[in-house]
N, C-alpha and C. Protein backbone atom coordinates (compact mmCIF):
# COMPACT_ATOMS: atom_id res chain seq x y z
N MET A 1 -50.78 43.42 -19.21
CA MET A 1 -49.66 42.77 -18.93
C MET A 1 -49.58 41.31 -19.48
N PRO A 2 -48.46 40.85 -20.16
CA PRO A 2 -48.55 39.62 -20.76
C PRO A 2 -48.65 38.45 -19.81
N SER A 3 -49.32 37.28 -20.26
CA SER A 3 -49.30 36.16 -19.42
C SER A 3 -48.11 35.47 -19.67
N MET A 4 -47.74 34.61 -18.59
CA MET A 4 -46.53 33.73 -18.63
C MET A 4 -46.52 32.94 -19.94
N LYS A 5 -47.69 32.48 -20.55
CA LYS A 5 -47.81 31.85 -21.62
C LYS A 5 -47.22 32.47 -22.86
N SER A 6 -47.54 33.81 -22.79
CA SER A 6 -47.17 34.54 -24.05
C SER A 6 -45.55 34.79 -24.09
N ILE A 7 -44.87 34.58 -23.01
CA ILE A 7 -43.46 34.57 -22.98
C ILE A 7 -42.76 33.52 -23.71
N VAL A 8 -43.36 32.41 -23.88
CA VAL A 8 -42.85 31.10 -24.46
C VAL A 8 -42.71 31.43 -25.95
N PRO A 9 -41.55 31.17 -26.52
CA PRO A 9 -41.29 31.42 -27.87
C PRO A 9 -42.38 30.84 -28.86
N SER A 10 -42.71 31.36 -30.05
CA SER A 10 -43.48 30.73 -30.89
C SER A 10 -42.65 29.48 -31.63
N PRO A 11 -43.17 28.53 -32.20
CA PRO A 11 -42.82 27.42 -32.73
C PRO A 11 -41.75 27.86 -33.71
N GLY A 12 -40.61 27.23 -33.92
CA GLY A 12 -39.57 27.66 -34.93
C GLY A 12 -38.78 28.85 -34.54
N VAL A 13 -39.11 29.48 -33.45
CA VAL A 13 -38.24 30.58 -32.95
C VAL A 13 -37.11 30.03 -31.89
N GLN A 14 -35.97 30.23 -32.14
CA GLN A 14 -34.94 29.78 -31.24
C GLN A 14 -34.96 30.39 -29.98
N ARG A 15 -34.97 29.63 -28.76
CA ARG A 15 -34.80 30.03 -27.47
C ARG A 15 -33.51 30.73 -26.97
N PHE A 16 -32.49 30.00 -27.61
CA PHE A 16 -31.27 30.35 -27.14
C PHE A 16 -30.33 30.77 -28.46
N ASP A 17 -29.27 31.46 -28.32
CA ASP A 17 -28.46 31.96 -29.35
C ASP A 17 -27.46 30.80 -29.67
N SER A 18 -27.13 30.09 -28.79
CA SER A 18 -26.24 28.87 -29.19
C SER A 18 -26.32 27.89 -27.93
N VAL A 19 -25.90 26.64 -28.11
CA VAL A 19 -25.94 25.63 -27.13
C VAL A 19 -25.15 25.89 -25.99
N GLU A 20 -24.08 26.84 -26.23
CA GLU A 20 -23.24 27.23 -25.07
C GLU A 20 -23.96 28.11 -24.14
N GLN A 21 -24.82 29.06 -24.75
CA GLN A 21 -25.85 30.07 -24.02
C GLN A 21 -26.82 29.15 -23.22
N GLU A 22 -27.48 28.11 -23.93
CA GLU A 22 -28.47 27.17 -23.32
C GLU A 22 -27.90 26.52 -22.07
N ALA A 23 -26.65 25.94 -22.35
CA ALA A 23 -25.93 25.23 -21.14
C ALA A 23 -25.83 26.19 -19.99
N PHE A 24 -25.13 27.44 -20.23
CA PHE A 24 -24.95 28.37 -19.38
C PHE A 24 -26.26 28.81 -18.50
N LEU A 25 -27.26 29.22 -19.28
CA LEU A 25 -28.49 29.57 -18.70
C LEU A 25 -29.12 28.49 -17.94
N ASN A 26 -28.88 27.13 -18.17
CA ASN A 26 -29.41 26.17 -17.43
C ASN A 26 -28.60 26.01 -16.14
N LEU A 27 -27.33 26.16 -16.24
CA LEU A 27 -26.49 26.24 -15.08
C LEU A 27 -26.92 27.16 -14.03
N TRP A 28 -27.13 28.34 -14.60
CA TRP A 28 -27.69 29.50 -13.68
C TRP A 28 -28.99 29.28 -13.09
N ARG A 29 -29.92 28.76 -13.94
CA ARG A 29 -31.15 28.60 -13.37
C ARG A 29 -31.02 27.43 -12.37
N THR A 30 -30.41 26.38 -12.55
CA THR A 30 -30.21 25.41 -11.74
C THR A 30 -29.50 25.79 -10.29
N TYR A 31 -28.45 26.53 -10.33
CA TYR A 31 -27.96 27.05 -9.25
C TYR A 31 -28.86 27.96 -8.47
N ASP A 32 -29.69 28.71 -9.17
CA ASP A 32 -30.69 29.53 -8.44
C ASP A 32 -31.64 28.71 -7.66
N ARG A 33 -32.15 27.72 -8.29
CA ARG A 33 -33.22 26.73 -7.64
C ARG A 33 -32.62 26.06 -6.54
N LEU A 34 -31.32 25.54 -6.75
CA LEU A 34 -30.71 24.80 -5.54
C LEU A 34 -30.28 25.73 -4.38
N ARG A 35 -29.71 26.95 -4.86
CA ARG A 35 -29.33 27.82 -3.88
C ARG A 35 -30.44 28.37 -2.95
N MET A 36 -31.57 28.39 -3.40
CA MET A 36 -32.75 28.79 -2.73
C MET A 36 -33.01 27.89 -1.51
N LEU A 37 -32.82 26.54 -1.81
CA LEU A 37 -33.20 25.64 -0.72
C LEU A 37 -31.98 25.68 0.32
N GLU A 38 -30.78 25.92 -0.16
CA GLU A 38 -29.60 25.90 0.82
C GLU A 38 -29.69 27.24 1.71
N ASP A 39 -30.11 28.48 0.96
CA ASP A 39 -30.18 29.56 1.83
C ASP A 39 -31.17 29.52 2.89
N GLU A 40 -32.23 28.74 2.72
CA GLU A 40 -33.28 28.57 3.76
C GLU A 40 -32.58 27.76 4.93
N THR A 41 -31.71 26.76 4.70
CA THR A 41 -30.94 26.11 5.76
C THR A 41 -30.20 26.86 6.41
N PHE A 42 -29.24 27.66 5.75
CA PHE A 42 -28.37 28.59 6.33
C PHE A 42 -29.04 29.69 7.19
N ALA A 43 -30.19 30.23 6.72
CA ALA A 43 -30.95 31.14 7.50
C ALA A 43 -31.25 30.65 8.84
N GLU A 44 -31.48 29.55 9.02
CA GLU A 44 -31.88 28.93 10.30
C GLU A 44 -30.70 29.09 11.35
N PHE A 45 -29.62 29.09 10.77
CA PHE A 45 -28.29 29.28 11.59
C PHE A 45 -27.68 30.65 11.63
N GLU A 46 -28.41 31.53 11.01
CA GLU A 46 -28.10 33.06 10.75
C GLU A 46 -26.66 33.06 10.02
N LEU A 47 -26.44 32.17 9.13
CA LEU A 47 -25.30 32.14 8.35
C LEU A 47 -25.60 32.50 6.83
N THR A 48 -24.57 32.88 6.03
CA THR A 48 -24.72 32.84 4.50
C THR A 48 -23.89 31.71 4.12
N ALA A 49 -24.11 31.37 2.79
CA ALA A 49 -23.38 30.20 2.21
C ALA A 49 -21.86 30.42 2.26
N GLN A 50 -21.45 31.75 2.15
CA GLN A 50 -20.07 32.11 2.05
C GLN A 50 -19.51 32.08 3.48
N GLN A 51 -20.20 32.50 4.59
CA GLN A 51 -19.72 32.44 5.95
C GLN A 51 -19.54 30.95 6.25
N TYR A 52 -20.53 30.07 5.88
CA TYR A 52 -20.36 28.47 6.13
C TYR A 52 -19.13 28.12 5.40
N ASN A 53 -18.85 28.41 4.26
CA ASN A 53 -17.64 28.01 3.52
C ASN A 53 -16.46 28.44 4.31
N VAL A 54 -16.26 29.49 4.76
CA VAL A 54 -15.16 30.03 5.58
C VAL A 54 -15.03 29.16 6.66
N LEU A 55 -16.08 28.78 7.46
CA LEU A 55 -15.94 28.09 8.59
C LEU A 55 -15.53 26.68 8.24
N ARG A 56 -16.21 26.11 7.21
CA ARG A 56 -15.78 24.72 6.82
C ARG A 56 -14.22 24.63 6.47
N LEU A 57 -13.75 25.69 5.74
CA LEU A 57 -12.26 25.72 5.43
C LEU A 57 -11.55 25.75 6.61
N LEU A 58 -11.78 26.52 7.68
CA LEU A 58 -11.16 26.70 8.83
C LEU A 58 -11.03 25.43 9.68
N LYS A 59 -12.28 24.70 9.73
CA LYS A 59 -12.34 23.58 10.37
C LYS A 59 -11.35 22.44 9.90
N ALA A 60 -11.37 22.39 8.61
CA ALA A 60 -10.52 21.48 7.86
C ALA A 60 -9.03 21.47 8.33
N VAL A 61 -8.61 22.63 8.75
CA VAL A 61 -7.24 22.82 9.11
C VAL A 61 -7.17 23.01 10.66
N HIS A 62 -8.12 23.07 11.39
CA HIS A 62 -8.25 23.20 12.72
C HIS A 62 -7.39 22.23 13.59
N PRO A 63 -6.49 22.59 14.39
CA PRO A 63 -6.36 23.87 15.18
C PRO A 63 -5.46 24.93 14.34
N GLU A 64 -4.81 24.51 13.26
CA GLU A 64 -4.09 25.49 12.59
C GLU A 64 -4.75 26.68 12.14
N LEU A 65 -4.18 27.83 11.72
CA LEU A 65 -4.62 29.02 11.29
C LEU A 65 -4.36 29.28 9.84
N LEU A 66 -5.18 30.02 9.08
CA LEU A 66 -4.98 30.23 7.56
C LEU A 66 -4.81 31.69 7.68
N PRO A 67 -3.91 32.25 6.50
CA PRO A 67 -3.94 33.55 6.20
C PRO A 67 -5.26 34.06 5.51
N THR A 68 -5.67 35.24 5.57
CA THR A 68 -6.96 35.53 5.11
C THR A 68 -6.97 35.44 3.65
N LEU A 69 -5.85 35.69 2.82
CA LEU A 69 -5.76 35.43 1.40
C LEU A 69 -5.82 33.98 1.02
N ALA A 70 -5.37 33.19 1.80
CA ALA A 70 -5.45 31.72 1.54
C ALA A 70 -6.96 31.31 1.61
N ILE A 71 -7.92 31.86 2.57
CA ILE A 71 -9.08 31.64 2.68
C ILE A 71 -9.89 32.09 1.51
N ALA A 72 -9.48 33.35 0.96
CA ALA A 72 -10.18 33.95 -0.15
C ALA A 72 -9.93 33.13 -1.42
N GLU A 73 -8.76 32.62 -1.50
CA GLU A 73 -8.34 31.79 -2.71
C GLU A 73 -9.09 30.39 -2.71
N ARG A 74 -9.45 29.96 -1.56
CA ARG A 74 -10.02 28.66 -1.44
C ARG A 74 -11.59 28.45 -1.52
N LEU A 75 -12.23 29.69 -1.39
CA LEU A 75 -13.71 29.94 -1.40
C LEU A 75 -14.28 29.32 -2.56
N VAL A 76 -15.48 28.81 -2.44
CA VAL A 76 -16.15 28.18 -3.58
C VAL A 76 -16.51 29.28 -4.67
N SER A 77 -16.88 30.47 -4.16
CA SER A 77 -17.10 31.71 -5.22
C SER A 77 -16.45 32.86 -4.58
N ARG A 78 -16.09 33.68 -5.41
CA ARG A 78 -15.37 35.00 -4.90
C ARG A 78 -16.03 35.83 -3.82
N ALA A 79 -15.45 36.22 -2.97
CA ALA A 79 -15.92 37.13 -1.79
C ALA A 79 -15.22 38.45 -1.91
N PRO A 80 -15.90 39.38 -2.67
CA PRO A 80 -15.23 40.81 -2.86
C PRO A 80 -14.94 41.37 -1.49
N ASP A 81 -15.77 41.05 -0.48
CA ASP A 81 -15.48 41.90 0.88
C ASP A 81 -15.24 40.84 1.83
N ILE A 82 -14.17 40.09 1.86
CA ILE A 82 -13.90 39.00 2.76
C ILE A 82 -13.61 39.60 4.33
N THR A 83 -13.09 40.94 4.40
CA THR A 83 -12.74 41.43 5.65
C THR A 83 -14.20 41.71 6.46
N ARG A 84 -15.11 42.21 5.76
CA ARG A 84 -16.40 42.36 6.36
C ARG A 84 -17.03 41.25 6.83
N MET A 85 -17.01 40.13 5.88
CA MET A 85 -17.39 38.65 6.27
C MET A 85 -16.80 38.18 7.50
N LEU A 86 -15.44 38.24 7.55
CA LEU A 86 -14.69 37.84 8.78
C LEU A 86 -15.06 38.60 9.92
N ASP A 87 -15.36 39.94 9.88
CA ASP A 87 -15.81 40.85 10.95
C ASP A 87 -17.06 40.28 11.53
N LYS A 88 -17.86 39.76 10.79
CA LYS A 88 -19.12 39.25 11.11
C LYS A 88 -19.01 37.97 12.04
N LEU A 89 -18.27 37.04 11.44
CA LEU A 89 -17.96 35.85 12.11
C LEU A 89 -17.26 36.08 13.35
N GLU A 90 -16.32 36.96 13.51
CA GLU A 90 -15.54 37.28 14.77
C GLU A 90 -16.51 37.94 15.70
N GLN A 91 -17.45 38.77 15.32
CA GLN A 91 -18.53 39.41 16.26
C GLN A 91 -19.28 38.25 16.83
N ARG A 92 -19.50 37.20 16.19
CA ARG A 92 -20.25 35.97 16.80
C ARG A 92 -19.33 35.08 17.39
N GLU A 93 -18.11 35.29 17.47
CA GLU A 93 -17.13 34.59 18.22
C GLU A 93 -17.06 33.24 17.52
N LEU A 94 -17.17 33.22 16.26
CA LEU A 94 -17.12 31.93 15.42
C LEU A 94 -15.79 31.62 14.85
N ILE A 95 -14.81 32.71 14.71
CA ILE A 95 -13.48 32.84 14.36
C ILE A 95 -12.62 33.68 15.26
N ARG A 96 -11.34 33.51 15.22
CA ARG A 96 -10.36 34.46 15.88
C ARG A 96 -9.45 34.79 14.79
N ARG A 97 -8.81 36.09 15.15
CA ARG A 97 -7.82 36.58 14.24
C ARG A 97 -6.55 36.68 15.09
N ASP A 98 -5.43 36.26 14.34
CA ASP A 98 -4.14 36.65 15.10
C ASP A 98 -3.31 37.12 14.03
N ARG A 99 -2.25 38.10 14.61
CA ARG A 99 -1.15 38.69 13.55
C ARG A 99 -0.19 37.53 13.52
N SER A 100 0.31 37.36 12.34
CA SER A 100 1.50 36.61 12.11
C SER A 100 2.69 37.04 12.80
N ALA A 101 3.46 36.44 13.37
CA ALA A 101 4.64 36.79 14.10
C ALA A 101 5.78 37.11 13.02
N ALA A 102 5.77 36.26 12.03
CA ALA A 102 6.56 36.58 10.83
C ALA A 102 6.49 37.64 9.97
N ASP A 103 5.11 38.04 9.85
CA ASP A 103 4.76 39.08 8.93
C ASP A 103 3.62 39.86 9.53
N ARG A 104 3.74 40.93 10.23
CA ARG A 104 2.71 41.62 10.93
C ARG A 104 1.58 42.07 9.98
N ARG A 105 1.77 42.13 8.74
CA ARG A 105 0.83 42.57 7.81
C ARG A 105 -0.21 41.42 7.58
N SER A 106 0.42 40.33 7.87
CA SER A 106 -0.66 39.03 7.58
C SER A 106 -1.49 38.69 8.71
N VAL A 107 -2.64 38.49 8.51
CA VAL A 107 -3.62 38.18 9.55
C VAL A 107 -4.04 36.59 9.40
N LEU A 108 -4.00 35.83 10.47
CA LEU A 108 -4.15 34.46 10.43
C LEU A 108 -5.55 34.33 11.09
N ILE A 109 -6.43 33.40 10.53
CA ILE A 109 -7.68 33.21 10.97
C ILE A 109 -7.87 31.74 11.55
N GLY A 110 -8.62 31.61 12.45
CA GLY A 110 -8.82 30.10 13.14
C GLY A 110 -10.46 30.14 13.48
N VAL A 111 -10.72 28.98 13.50
CA VAL A 111 -12.18 28.74 13.92
C VAL A 111 -12.22 28.46 15.42
N THR A 112 -13.05 29.01 16.15
CA THR A 112 -13.29 28.84 17.55
C THR A 112 -14.03 27.60 17.79
N GLU A 113 -13.99 27.21 19.12
CA GLU A 113 -14.82 26.11 19.49
C GLU A 113 -16.31 26.38 19.05
N SER A 114 -16.91 27.62 19.30
CA SER A 114 -18.12 27.87 19.00
C SER A 114 -18.49 27.77 17.55
N GLY A 115 -17.39 28.13 16.72
CA GLY A 115 -17.41 27.83 15.39
C GLY A 115 -17.61 26.33 14.95
N VAL A 116 -16.82 25.56 15.66
CA VAL A 116 -16.89 24.03 15.34
C VAL A 116 -18.26 23.49 15.69
N ALA A 117 -18.78 23.98 17.01
CA ALA A 117 -20.06 23.56 17.33
C ALA A 117 -21.13 24.05 16.33
N LEU A 118 -21.20 25.05 15.98
CA LEU A 118 -22.07 25.54 14.83
C LEU A 118 -22.05 24.75 13.64
N LEU A 119 -20.79 24.33 13.15
CA LEU A 119 -20.57 23.44 11.98
C LEU A 119 -21.29 22.03 12.30
N ASP A 120 -21.04 21.49 13.58
CA ASP A 120 -21.56 20.38 13.86
C ASP A 120 -23.06 20.19 14.04
N ALA A 121 -23.54 21.50 14.43
CA ALA A 121 -25.05 21.68 14.52
C ALA A 121 -25.77 21.74 13.13
N ILE A 122 -25.05 22.32 12.31
CA ILE A 122 -25.60 22.38 10.75
C ILE A 122 -25.32 21.27 9.91
N ALA A 123 -24.56 20.41 10.32
CA ALA A 123 -24.09 19.18 9.41
C ALA A 123 -25.38 18.41 9.01
N GLU A 124 -26.16 17.99 9.91
CA GLU A 124 -27.26 17.03 9.51
C GLU A 124 -28.39 17.83 8.69
N PRO A 125 -28.74 19.08 9.20
CA PRO A 125 -29.82 19.80 8.36
C PRO A 125 -29.24 20.06 6.92
N LEU A 126 -28.00 20.28 6.67
CA LEU A 126 -27.18 20.64 5.53
C LEU A 126 -27.17 19.37 4.73
N ARG A 127 -26.92 18.21 5.18
CA ARG A 127 -27.06 17.12 4.53
C ARG A 127 -28.38 16.70 4.07
N ARG A 128 -29.48 16.89 4.73
CA ARG A 128 -30.79 16.70 4.28
C ARG A 128 -31.17 17.77 3.22
N CYS A 129 -30.62 18.99 3.27
CA CYS A 129 -30.79 19.90 2.17
C CYS A 129 -30.26 19.40 0.93
N HIS A 130 -28.86 19.05 0.92
CA HIS A 130 -28.36 18.43 -0.23
C HIS A 130 -28.98 17.26 -0.73
N GLU A 131 -29.64 16.43 0.15
CA GLU A 131 -30.24 15.23 -0.37
C GLU A 131 -31.64 15.73 -1.05
N ASN A 132 -32.19 16.74 -0.48
CA ASN A 132 -33.43 17.35 -1.16
C ASN A 132 -33.09 18.07 -2.43
N GLN A 133 -31.91 18.55 -2.62
CA GLN A 133 -31.56 19.17 -3.75
C GLN A 133 -31.25 18.28 -5.06
N LEU A 134 -30.53 17.17 -4.56
CA LEU A 134 -29.80 16.39 -5.59
C LEU A 134 -30.20 14.82 -5.36
N GLY A 135 -30.83 14.56 -4.28
CA GLY A 135 -31.09 12.96 -3.96
C GLY A 135 -31.89 12.38 -5.14
N HIS A 136 -32.71 13.13 -5.90
CA HIS A 136 -33.50 12.36 -6.84
C HIS A 136 -32.60 11.70 -8.06
N LEU A 137 -31.45 12.28 -7.97
CA LEU A 137 -30.44 11.71 -9.19
C LEU A 137 -29.78 10.48 -8.57
N PRO A 138 -29.59 9.41 -9.44
CA PRO A 138 -28.90 8.28 -8.98
C PRO A 138 -27.29 8.79 -8.73
N LYS A 139 -26.51 7.98 -7.95
CA LYS A 139 -25.17 8.34 -7.48
C LYS A 139 -24.32 8.41 -8.85
N GLU A 140 -24.62 7.41 -9.75
CA GLU A 140 -23.66 7.33 -10.97
C GLU A 140 -23.92 8.58 -11.81
N ARG A 141 -25.14 9.18 -11.93
CA ARG A 141 -25.48 10.32 -12.72
C ARG A 141 -24.65 11.55 -12.01
N LEU A 142 -24.85 11.50 -10.68
CA LEU A 142 -24.21 12.69 -10.08
C LEU A 142 -22.63 12.76 -10.11
N LYS A 143 -22.01 11.51 -10.08
CA LYS A 143 -20.56 11.29 -10.41
C LYS A 143 -20.34 11.94 -11.87
N LYS A 144 -21.14 11.75 -12.77
CA LYS A 144 -21.01 12.02 -14.33
C LYS A 144 -21.11 13.59 -14.19
N LEU A 145 -22.08 14.13 -13.56
CA LEU A 145 -22.49 15.55 -13.45
C LEU A 145 -21.21 16.21 -12.84
N VAL A 146 -20.62 15.72 -11.89
CA VAL A 146 -19.43 16.42 -11.12
C VAL A 146 -18.29 16.45 -12.12
N ALA A 147 -18.07 15.38 -12.82
CA ALA A 147 -17.12 15.26 -13.83
C ALA A 147 -17.22 16.29 -14.96
N LEU A 148 -18.44 16.35 -15.45
CA LEU A 148 -18.71 17.37 -16.60
C LEU A 148 -18.50 18.97 -16.06
N LEU A 149 -19.02 19.15 -14.75
CA LEU A 149 -18.78 20.46 -14.28
C LEU A 149 -17.18 20.80 -14.18
N ARG A 150 -16.63 19.76 -13.67
CA ARG A 150 -15.08 20.07 -13.44
C ARG A 150 -14.53 20.40 -14.91
N GLU A 151 -14.95 19.57 -15.78
CA GLU A 151 -14.31 19.66 -17.27
C GLU A 151 -14.71 20.96 -17.75
N ALA A 152 -15.96 21.53 -17.46
CA ALA A 152 -16.44 22.84 -17.98
C ALA A 152 -15.65 23.89 -17.36
N ARG A 153 -15.40 23.79 -16.02
CA ARG A 153 -14.87 24.92 -15.31
C ARG A 153 -13.21 24.90 -15.39
N SER A 154 -12.58 23.79 -15.76
CA SER A 154 -11.19 23.58 -15.69
C SER A 154 -10.41 24.58 -16.36
N PRO A 155 -10.65 25.14 -17.67
CA PRO A 155 -9.90 26.01 -18.34
C PRO A 155 -9.96 27.50 -17.69
N HIS A 156 -10.98 27.64 -16.84
CA HIS A 156 -11.13 28.98 -16.22
C HIS A 156 -10.75 29.07 -14.79
N GLU A 157 -9.98 27.90 -14.33
CA GLU A 157 -9.45 27.97 -12.93
C GLU A 157 -7.87 28.24 -13.07
N THR A 158 -7.43 28.98 -12.03
CA THR A 158 -6.01 29.33 -11.92
C THR A 158 -5.22 28.09 -11.82
N GLU A 159 -3.94 28.07 -11.93
CA GLU A 159 -3.20 26.82 -11.77
C GLU A 159 -3.17 26.49 -10.33
N GLN A 160 -3.10 27.51 -9.48
CA GLN A 160 -2.99 27.19 -8.01
C GLN A 160 -4.26 26.97 -7.26
N SER A 161 -5.37 27.00 -8.06
CA SER A 161 -6.63 26.80 -7.52
C SER A 161 -6.76 25.29 -6.81
N SER A 162 -7.37 25.23 -5.61
CA SER A 162 -7.73 24.00 -5.10
C SER A 162 -8.82 23.27 -5.71
N TRP A 163 -9.64 24.01 -6.76
CA TRP A 163 -10.59 23.48 -7.36
C TRP A 163 -10.18 22.86 -8.79
N LYS A 164 -8.81 22.98 -9.08
CA LYS A 164 -8.36 22.69 -10.41
C LYS A 164 -8.40 21.12 -10.74
N SER A 165 -8.15 20.36 -9.60
CA SER A 165 -8.11 18.81 -9.81
C SER A 165 -9.51 18.26 -10.29
């Protein structure tokens, strides 16, 4: 079995096919490292990052309700099976579902008081997690990073995306 040292490219051998590939793979690696820390925090509350994101979106409009499709459009990352995710949150009584009076095919989702309480409980541990993830960077560098990430993502966002700005 080769040692880790043998995987490092020999001098003069390119590690990446392009600067774009290098940037992408660095984003992916960074996401993996930072996500690992966040997953540990969410696990303490028996949540996934996606479930947390749904609850966070619903709390932002509470006590109003959002259609399922509006939630799916606003998520940080795509959720291929949002119905199953909502089922799990509903089983834990963190959300509620109502049928739209105007359109019986549309399901409206709202966060429950238990869901709000869970978000309140996770707020400080999650703030500490984010501090652990990125607190070593000065605020000005973080602002520049945010701007660069928005610029990189912008051509790939839909016009109606809430992430477009």
